């Protein structure tokens, strides 16, 4: 997904994902989540609500490979608040 705003959707039907990592463009780890897929889990939602706008990577670790994708997070909370 590029760009993404509120969340990323991953279709895990063809993947056996064990670990998901988010990191920023400089390689700093944002989050690491162990993922245990049940037979009924075909879709994984990853929330981006606490991330500032910017470029990120998501890495999905399976028993046989590591898949890394870049995405741009665009904060949807844009606007002015208060009175003039």
N, C-alpha and C. Protein backbone atom coordinates (compact mmCIF):
# COMPACT_ATOMS: atom_id res chain seq x y z
N UNK A 1 0.83 -1.21 0.00
CA UNK A 1 0.00 0.00 0.00
C UNK A 1 0.86 1.25 0.00
N UNK A 2 0.68 2.10 -0.96
CA UNK A 2 1.48 3.31 -1.00
C UNK A 2 0.69 4.39 -1.71
N UNK A 3 0.24 5.44 -1.13
CA UNK A 3 0.38 5.78 0.30
C UNK A 3 -0.70 5.15 1.16
N UNK A 4 -0.49 5.19 2.47
CA UNK A 4 -1.45 4.67 3.44
C UNK A 4 -1.79 5.79 4.41
N UNK A 5 -3.01 5.74 4.97
CA UNK A 5 -3.38 6.78 5.91
C UNK A 5 -3.67 6.21 7.29
N UNK A 6 -4.72 5.43 7.45
CA UNK A 6 -5.11 4.95 8.78
C UNK A 6 -4.58 3.56 9.11
N UNK A 7 -4.47 2.70 8.12
CA UNK A 7 -4.01 1.35 8.36
C UNK A 7 -3.51 0.71 7.07
N UNK A 8 -2.80 -0.39 7.24
CA UNK A 8 -2.34 -1.22 6.12
C UNK A 8 -3.10 -2.53 6.20
N UNK A 9 -3.53 -3.03 5.06
CA UNK A 9 -4.22 -4.31 4.99
C UNK A 9 -3.29 -5.30 4.29
N UNK A 10 -3.06 -6.44 4.92
CA UNK A 10 -2.21 -7.48 4.34
C UNK A 10 -3.05 -8.74 4.18
N UNK A 11 -3.07 -9.25 2.96
CA UNK A 11 -3.76 -10.51 2.69
C UNK A 11 -2.79 -11.64 3.05
N UNK A 12 -3.11 -12.37 4.10
CA UNK A 12 -2.22 -13.42 4.58
C UNK A 12 -2.65 -14.81 4.12
N UNK A 13 -3.59 -14.86 3.18
CA UNK A 13 -4.09 -16.16 2.72
C UNK A 13 -2.98 -17.03 2.14
N UNK A 14 -2.07 -16.43 1.39
CA UNK A 14 -0.99 -17.17 0.76
C UNK A 14 0.31 -17.12 1.57
N UNK A 15 0.30 -16.40 2.71
CA UNK A 15 1.51 -16.24 3.50
C UNK A 15 1.34 -16.84 4.88
N UNK A 16 2.39 -17.38 5.41
CA UNK A 16 2.41 -17.85 6.79
C UNK A 16 3.33 -16.90 7.56
N UNK A 17 2.81 -15.73 7.91
CA UNK A 17 3.61 -14.68 8.54
C UNK A 17 3.80 -15.00 10.02
N UNK A 18 5.07 -14.93 10.47
CA UNK A 18 5.40 -15.18 11.87
C UNK A 18 5.71 -13.88 12.63
N UNK A 19 6.28 -12.92 11.94
CA UNK A 19 6.73 -11.69 12.59
C UNK A 19 6.52 -10.53 11.64
N UNK A 20 6.07 -9.40 12.19
CA UNK A 20 5.88 -8.19 11.40
C UNK A 20 6.64 -7.07 12.08
N UNK A 21 7.45 -6.37 11.29
CA UNK A 21 8.24 -5.25 11.80
C UNK A 21 7.90 -3.99 11.01
N UNK A 22 7.78 -2.88 11.71
CA UNK A 22 7.68 -1.57 11.08
C UNK A 22 8.92 -0.79 11.45
N UNK A 23 9.53 -0.14 10.47
CA UNK A 23 10.66 0.72 10.78
C UNK A 23 10.66 1.92 9.87
N UNK A 24 11.30 2.99 10.34
CA UNK A 24 11.31 4.23 9.57
C UNK A 24 12.39 4.19 8.50
N UNK A 25 12.45 5.26 7.73
CA UNK A 25 13.35 5.33 6.58
C UNK A 25 14.83 5.25 6.97
N UNK A 26 15.15 5.59 8.24
CA UNK A 26 16.54 5.52 8.70
C UNK A 26 16.88 4.17 9.31
N UNK A 27 15.89 3.26 9.36
CA UNK A 27 16.12 1.92 9.89
C UNK A 27 15.78 1.75 11.36
N UNK A 28 15.27 2.80 12.02
CA UNK A 28 14.87 2.69 13.42
C UNK A 28 13.60 1.86 13.54
N UNK A 29 13.62 0.90 14.45
CA UNK A 29 12.47 0.03 14.65
C UNK A 29 11.33 0.81 15.30
N UNK A 30 10.14 0.73 14.71
CA UNK A 30 8.94 1.37 15.25
C UNK A 30 8.14 0.36 16.06
N UNK A 31 7.96 -0.83 15.53
CA UNK A 31 7.26 -1.89 16.27
C UNK A 31 7.65 -3.25 15.72
N UNK A 32 7.54 -4.24 16.59
CA UNK A 32 7.78 -5.64 16.23
C UNK A 32 6.64 -6.44 16.85
N UNK A 33 5.93 -7.18 16.02
CA UNK A 33 4.79 -7.96 16.50
C UNK A 33 4.93 -9.41 16.06
N UNK A 34 4.82 -10.33 17.02
CA UNK A 34 4.70 -11.74 16.67
C UNK A 34 3.29 -11.94 16.15
N UNK A 35 3.15 -12.75 15.14
CA UNK A 35 1.84 -12.97 14.53
C UNK A 35 1.59 -14.46 14.45
N UNK A 36 0.49 -14.88 15.03
CA UNK A 36 0.11 -16.28 15.02
C UNK A 36 -1.18 -16.40 14.22
N UNK A 37 -1.08 -16.95 13.05
CA UNK A 37 -2.21 -17.04 12.14
C UNK A 37 -3.08 -18.26 12.45
N UNK A 38 -4.37 -18.00 12.60
CA UNK A 38 -5.31 -19.11 12.71
C UNK A 38 -5.81 -19.44 11.31
N UNK A 39 -6.49 -20.54 11.17
CA UNK A 39 -6.96 -20.95 9.84
C UNK A 39 -7.94 -19.96 9.23
N UNK A 40 -8.66 -19.22 10.07
CA UNK A 40 -9.65 -18.28 9.55
C UNK A 40 -9.08 -16.89 9.28
N UNK A 41 -7.82 -16.65 9.64
CA UNK A 41 -7.20 -15.34 9.42
C UNK A 41 -6.67 -15.22 8.00
N UNK A 42 -7.36 -14.43 7.17
CA UNK A 42 -6.88 -14.17 5.82
C UNK A 42 -6.46 -12.73 5.62
N UNK A 43 -6.89 -11.86 6.53
CA UNK A 43 -6.61 -10.43 6.42
C UNK A 43 -6.01 -9.94 7.72
N UNK A 44 -4.95 -9.15 7.62
CA UNK A 44 -4.30 -8.55 8.78
C UNK A 44 -4.35 -7.04 8.63
N UNK A 45 -4.85 -6.35 9.64
CA UNK A 45 -4.89 -4.89 9.66
C UNK A 45 -3.82 -4.38 10.60
N UNK A 46 -3.00 -3.45 10.12
CA UNK A 46 -1.97 -2.82 10.95
C UNK A 46 -2.29 -1.34 11.05
N UNK A 47 -2.54 -0.88 12.27
CA UNK A 47 -2.91 0.51 12.50
C UNK A 47 -1.69 1.41 12.36
N UNK A 48 -1.91 2.56 11.73
CA UNK A 48 -0.87 3.57 11.56
C UNK A 48 -1.21 4.85 12.32
N UNK A 49 -2.23 4.81 13.17
CA UNK A 49 -2.75 6.03 13.77
C UNK A 49 -1.75 6.76 14.65
N UNK A 50 -0.77 6.10 15.21
CA UNK A 50 0.21 6.76 16.07
C UNK A 50 1.49 7.16 15.35
N UNK A 51 1.54 6.91 14.05
CA UNK A 51 2.75 7.26 13.29
C UNK A 51 2.65 8.67 12.72
N UNK A 52 3.72 9.43 12.80
CA UNK A 52 3.73 10.71 12.10
C UNK A 52 3.82 10.50 10.59
N UNK A 53 3.44 11.50 9.83
CA UNK A 53 3.55 11.44 8.37
C UNK A 53 5.01 11.18 8.00
N UNK A 54 5.23 10.29 7.04
CA UNK A 54 6.60 10.01 6.61
C UNK A 54 6.67 8.71 5.84
N UNK A 55 7.90 8.33 5.51
CA UNK A 55 8.17 7.09 4.77
C UNK A 55 8.59 6.00 5.74
N UNK A 56 8.06 4.80 5.52
CA UNK A 56 8.30 3.67 6.41
C UNK A 56 8.48 2.39 5.59
N UNK A 57 8.93 1.36 6.29
CA UNK A 57 9.03 0.02 5.72
C UNK A 57 8.25 -0.93 6.61
N UNK A 58 7.63 -1.92 5.98
CA UNK A 58 7.03 -3.03 6.71
C UNK A 58 7.74 -4.30 6.25
N UNK A 59 8.13 -5.11 7.22
CA UNK A 59 8.83 -6.36 6.92
C UNK A 59 7.99 -7.50 7.49
N UNK A 60 7.71 -8.47 6.66
CA UNK A 60 6.95 -9.65 7.07
C UNK A 60 7.87 -10.86 6.98
N UNK A 61 8.04 -11.56 8.09
CA UNK A 61 8.92 -12.71 8.16
C UNK A 61 8.06 -13.97 8.13
N UNK A 62 8.32 -14.83 7.17
CA UNK A 62 7.65 -16.12 7.08
C UNK A 62 8.69 -17.21 7.36
N UNK A 63 8.28 -18.46 7.48
CA UNK A 63 9.27 -19.53 7.70
C UNK A 63 10.29 -19.65 6.56
N UNK A 64 9.93 -19.20 5.35
CA UNK A 64 10.83 -19.40 4.22
C UNK A 64 11.41 -18.12 3.62
N UNK A 65 10.88 -16.95 4.01
CA UNK A 65 11.39 -15.72 3.39
C UNK A 65 11.08 -14.50 4.24
N UNK A 66 11.73 -13.40 3.85
CA UNK A 66 11.48 -12.09 4.45
C UNK A 66 11.03 -11.15 3.33
N UNK A 67 9.87 -10.52 3.51
CA UNK A 67 9.32 -9.62 2.50
C UNK A 67 9.29 -8.22 3.10
N UNK A 68 9.93 -7.27 2.41
CA UNK A 68 9.96 -5.89 2.88
C UNK A 68 9.37 -4.98 1.82
N UNK A 69 8.45 -4.12 2.24
CA UNK A 69 7.79 -3.17 1.35
C UNK A 69 7.86 -1.78 1.95
N UNK A 70 8.05 -0.79 1.10
CA UNK A 70 8.05 0.61 1.55
C UNK A 70 6.66 1.19 1.37
N UNK A 71 6.28 2.10 2.28
CA UNK A 71 5.02 2.83 2.14
C UNK A 71 5.18 4.23 2.71
N UNK A 72 4.31 5.11 2.28
CA UNK A 72 4.27 6.47 2.79
C UNK A 72 3.02 6.63 3.64
N UNK A 73 3.21 7.08 4.86
CA UNK A 73 2.07 7.34 5.74
C UNK A 73 1.68 8.80 5.61
N UNK A 74 0.41 9.03 5.29
CA UNK A 74 -0.12 10.39 5.19
C UNK A 74 -1.14 10.57 6.30
N UNK A 75 -0.82 11.42 7.25
CA UNK A 75 -1.71 11.69 8.36
C UNK A 75 -2.98 12.33 7.84
N UNK A 76 -4.14 11.78 8.22
CA UNK A 76 -5.41 12.31 7.74
C UNK A 76 -5.95 13.44 8.61
N UNK A 77 -5.30 13.70 9.73
CA UNK A 77 -5.75 14.78 10.63
C UNK A 77 -5.08 16.09 10.23
N UNK A 78 -5.54 16.65 9.14
CA UNK A 78 -4.98 17.90 8.64
C UNK A 78 -6.04 18.97 8.76
N UNK A 79 -5.66 20.11 9.26
CA UNK A 79 -6.62 21.20 9.38
C UNK A 79 -6.22 22.16 10.49
N UNK A 80 -6.99 23.23 10.61
CA UNK A 80 -6.73 24.23 11.63
C UNK A 80 -7.78 24.12 12.70
N UNK A 81 -7.36 24.35 13.93
CA UNK A 81 -8.27 24.29 15.06
C UNK A 81 -8.22 25.62 15.81
N UNK A 82 -9.30 25.98 16.44
CA UNK A 82 -9.34 27.22 17.20
C UNK A 82 -10.10 28.29 16.44
N UNK A 83 -10.01 29.49 16.94
CA UNK A 83 -10.72 30.62 16.32
C UNK A 83 -9.72 31.60 15.77
N UNK A 84 -10.19 32.40 14.85
CA UNK A 84 -9.30 33.40 14.25
C UNK A 84 -9.51 34.73 14.92
